[in-house]
Each structure stands twice: as C-alpha cells, then as structure tokens.
C-alpha cells in the first residue's frame, strides 16, 4: 500500500497478549513476552513510522483494553 500512495497517514497499534496465571505462577519469561508484545512492539512500530507520519502530520492510535478475569 505504501508504494501505491507514497505516504503514511495513520498507524494503529492493536496487538495484545494476556497471561492468565496468578502472580506466583507467572514466570519471568511470561512477563518479558507480555511486555514485548504490549509495550515494546507499540514503541518500535511507532518509532519506525514516526518520520513518515511527520511529513504528513499523521496520527498514531494506541488501543488497549481491560480484562477482568478469564
């Protein structure tokens, strides 16, 4: 798509991961994976697109949700 229109107007970050374990059951690997998907990926995607978005005064939409139980 980018090559067709030669610009980027919006980036939507909408990836998420939830670990359904108690705090005691949650491993460091679970925690690292959760942060990688929910935080780091959003940062890296936005950073990658920032220069392209700036040229057209584009927008970044970060989506999140709250889960109450399983």
N, C-alpha and C. Protein backbone atom coordinates (compact mmCIF):
# COMPACT_ATOMS: atom_id res chain seq x y z
N UNK A 1 0.81 -1.20 0.00
CA UNK A 1 0.00 0.00 0.00
C UNK A 1 0.85 1.26 0.00
N UNK A 2 1.92 1.27 0.81
CA UNK A 2 2.75 2.47 0.89
C UNK A 2 3.28 2.85 -0.49
N UNK A 3 3.73 1.88 -1.24
CA UNK A 3 4.29 2.19 -2.56
C UNK A 3 3.23 2.72 -3.52
N UNK A 4 1.97 2.39 -3.30
CA UNK A 4 0.89 2.87 -4.16
C UNK A 4 0.61 4.35 -3.91
N UNK A 5 0.49 4.73 -2.63
CA UNK A 5 0.13 6.10 -2.28
C UNK A 5 1.32 6.96 -1.87
N UNK A 6 2.45 6.32 -1.59
CA UNK A 6 3.69 7.00 -1.26
C UNK A 6 3.59 7.89 -0.02
N UNK A 7 2.78 7.49 0.95
CA UNK A 7 2.67 8.22 2.21
C UNK A 7 2.04 7.34 3.27
N UNK A 8 2.23 7.73 4.51
CA UNK A 8 1.64 7.02 5.64
C UNK A 8 0.88 8.04 6.46
N UNK A 9 -0.42 7.83 6.65
CA UNK A 9 -1.26 8.78 7.36
C UNK A 9 -1.56 8.38 8.80
N UNK A 10 -1.63 7.09 9.04
CA UNK A 10 -2.01 6.64 10.38
C UNK A 10 -1.37 5.29 10.69
N UNK A 11 -1.02 5.11 11.96
CA UNK A 11 -0.56 3.83 12.47
C UNK A 11 -1.48 3.45 13.62
N UNK A 12 -1.98 2.23 13.59
CA UNK A 12 -2.84 1.74 14.66
C UNK A 12 -2.13 0.57 15.33
N UNK A 13 -1.81 0.74 16.60
CA UNK A 13 -1.20 -0.32 17.39
C UNK A 13 -2.33 -1.04 18.12
N UNK A 14 -2.56 -2.30 17.77
CA UNK A 14 -3.69 -3.03 18.32
C UNK A 14 -3.33 -4.49 18.60
N UNK A 15 -2.15 -4.71 19.11
CA UNK A 15 -1.75 -6.07 19.48
C UNK A 15 -1.73 -6.17 21.00
N UNK A 16 -2.09 -7.32 21.51
CA UNK A 16 -2.07 -7.50 22.96
C UNK A 16 -1.95 -8.97 23.31
N UNK A 17 -1.42 -9.19 24.47
CA UNK A 17 -1.24 -10.54 24.98
C UNK A 17 -1.60 -10.53 26.45
N UNK A 18 -2.32 -11.53 26.90
CA UNK A 18 -2.66 -11.65 28.32
C UNK A 18 -2.20 -13.02 28.81
N UNK A 19 -1.63 -13.04 29.98
CA UNK A 19 -1.22 -14.29 30.62
C UNK A 19 -2.21 -14.54 31.76
N UNK A 20 -2.88 -15.66 31.69
CA UNK A 20 -3.90 -15.98 32.69
C UNK A 20 -3.32 -16.91 33.75
N UNK A 21 -2.46 -16.33 34.57
CA UNK A 21 -1.84 -17.06 35.67
C UNK A 21 -1.84 -16.16 36.90
N UNK A 22 -1.70 -16.76 38.04
CA UNK A 22 -1.54 -15.95 39.25
C UNK A 22 -0.15 -15.32 39.22
N UNK A 23 0.06 -14.35 40.07
CA UNK A 23 1.37 -13.72 40.16
C UNK A 23 2.46 -14.74 40.46
N UNK A 24 2.17 -15.65 41.37
CA UNK A 24 3.16 -16.66 41.75
C UNK A 24 3.44 -17.62 40.59
N UNK A 25 2.44 -17.92 39.79
CA UNK A 25 2.61 -18.83 38.65
C UNK A 25 3.27 -18.17 37.44
N UNK A 26 3.19 -16.87 37.35
CA UNK A 26 3.73 -16.15 36.20
C UNK A 26 5.25 -16.18 36.23
N UNK A 27 5.84 -16.63 35.14
CA UNK A 27 7.29 -16.71 35.05
C UNK A 27 7.87 -15.39 34.53
N UNK A 28 9.15 -15.25 34.68
CA UNK A 28 9.84 -14.08 34.13
C UNK A 28 9.69 -14.07 32.61
N UNK A 29 9.72 -15.24 32.00
CA UNK A 29 9.53 -15.33 30.55
C UNK A 29 8.14 -14.87 30.15
N UNK A 30 7.11 -15.26 30.93
CA UNK A 30 5.74 -14.78 30.67
C UNK A 30 5.71 -13.25 30.72
N UNK A 31 6.32 -12.68 31.73
CA UNK A 31 6.34 -11.23 31.93
C UNK A 31 7.06 -10.54 30.77
N UNK A 32 8.23 -11.06 30.40
CA UNK A 32 9.00 -10.48 29.31
C UNK A 32 8.23 -10.54 27.99
N UNK A 33 7.56 -11.64 27.72
CA UNK A 33 6.78 -11.77 26.49
C UNK A 33 5.61 -10.79 26.48
N UNK A 34 4.94 -10.65 27.61
CA UNK A 34 3.82 -9.72 27.72
C UNK A 34 4.28 -8.29 27.45
N UNK A 35 5.39 -7.89 28.05
CA UNK A 35 5.90 -6.54 27.82
C UNK A 35 6.37 -6.35 26.38
N UNK A 36 6.96 -7.38 25.82
CA UNK A 36 7.42 -7.29 24.43
C UNK A 36 6.27 -7.05 23.47
N UNK A 37 5.17 -7.75 23.67
CA UNK A 37 4.02 -7.61 22.77
C UNK A 37 3.23 -6.34 23.08
N UNK A 38 2.95 -6.09 24.36
CA UNK A 38 2.04 -4.99 24.73
C UNK A 38 2.70 -3.62 24.77
N UNK A 39 4.00 -3.56 24.99
CA UNK A 39 4.66 -2.25 25.13
C UNK A 39 5.75 -2.05 24.08
N UNK A 40 6.68 -2.96 24.02
CA UNK A 40 7.83 -2.78 23.13
C UNK A 40 7.41 -2.74 21.66
N UNK A 41 6.51 -3.61 21.26
CA UNK A 41 6.07 -3.64 19.86
C UNK A 41 5.40 -2.32 19.46
N UNK A 42 4.61 -1.77 20.36
CA UNK A 42 3.96 -0.47 20.12
C UNK A 42 5.01 0.62 19.93
N UNK A 43 6.00 0.65 20.81
CA UNK A 43 7.08 1.64 20.72
C UNK A 43 7.85 1.49 19.40
N UNK A 44 8.25 0.27 19.07
CA UNK A 44 9.06 0.06 17.87
C UNK A 44 8.29 0.38 16.60
N UNK A 45 7.02 0.00 16.54
CA UNK A 45 6.20 0.30 15.37
C UNK A 45 6.05 1.81 15.19
N UNK A 46 5.75 2.51 16.28
CA UNK A 46 5.58 3.95 16.22
C UNK A 46 6.88 4.65 15.87
N UNK A 47 7.97 4.20 16.46
CA UNK A 47 9.28 4.80 16.15
C UNK A 47 9.63 4.61 14.67
N UNK A 48 9.36 3.43 14.14
CA UNK A 48 9.63 3.16 12.72
C UNK A 48 8.83 4.09 11.82
N UNK A 49 7.58 4.34 12.19
CA UNK A 49 6.68 5.13 11.34
C UNK A 49 6.79 6.63 11.59
N UNK A 50 7.43 7.05 12.65
CA UNK A 50 7.41 8.46 13.07
C UNK A 50 7.85 9.43 11.98
N UNK A 51 8.93 9.15 11.30
CA UNK A 51 9.43 10.07 10.28
C UNK A 51 8.44 10.19 9.12
N UNK A 52 7.86 9.09 8.72
CA UNK A 52 6.87 9.11 7.63
C UNK A 52 5.60 9.84 8.05
N UNK A 53 5.17 9.63 9.28
CA UNK A 53 3.97 10.30 9.78
C UNK A 53 4.18 11.80 9.91
N UNK A 54 5.37 12.21 10.27
CA UNK A 54 5.66 13.62 10.48
C UNK A 54 5.52 14.43 9.19
N UNK A 55 5.86 13.84 8.08
CA UNK A 55 5.82 14.58 6.82
C UNK A 55 4.39 14.92 6.39
N UNK A 56 3.40 14.16 6.87
CA UNK A 56 2.00 14.43 6.52
C UNK A 56 1.17 14.78 7.75
N UNK A 57 1.83 15.04 8.87
CA UNK A 57 1.15 15.28 10.15
C UNK A 57 0.16 14.16 10.43
N UNK A 58 0.66 12.94 10.35
CA UNK A 58 -0.17 11.75 10.56
C UNK A 58 -0.49 11.51 12.02
N UNK A 59 -1.20 10.44 12.26
CA UNK A 59 -1.68 10.11 13.61
C UNK A 59 -1.25 8.72 14.03
N UNK A 60 -1.13 8.56 15.33
CA UNK A 60 -0.88 7.25 15.94
C UNK A 60 -2.04 6.95 16.86
N UNK A 61 -2.64 5.77 16.70
CA UNK A 61 -3.72 5.33 17.56
C UNK A 61 -3.22 4.11 18.32
N UNK A 62 -3.16 4.23 19.65
CA UNK A 62 -2.78 3.11 20.52
C UNK A 62 -4.03 2.60 21.21
N UNK A 63 -4.34 1.34 20.99
CA UNK A 63 -5.53 0.75 21.59
C UNK A 63 -5.14 -0.13 22.76
N UNK A 64 -6.00 -0.16 23.76
CA UNK A 64 -5.80 -1.05 24.89
C UNK A 64 -7.16 -1.48 25.42
N UNK A 65 -7.12 -2.41 26.34
CA UNK A 65 -8.37 -2.85 26.96
C UNK A 65 -8.09 -3.33 28.36
N UNK A 66 -9.14 -3.54 29.09
CA UNK A 66 -9.04 -4.06 30.44
C UNK A 66 -9.80 -5.37 30.48
N UNK A 67 -9.15 -6.39 30.97
CA UNK A 67 -9.78 -7.70 31.06
C UNK A 67 -9.98 -8.03 32.54
N UNK A 68 -11.17 -8.37 32.88
CA UNK A 68 -11.48 -8.69 34.28
C UNK A 68 -11.74 -10.18 34.42
N UNK A 69 -10.70 -10.94 34.49
CA UNK A 69 -10.86 -12.38 34.65
C UNK A 69 -10.74 -13.12 33.34
N UNK A 70 -11.02 -14.40 33.41
CA UNK A 70 -10.86 -15.26 32.23
C UNK A 70 -12.05 -15.21 31.36
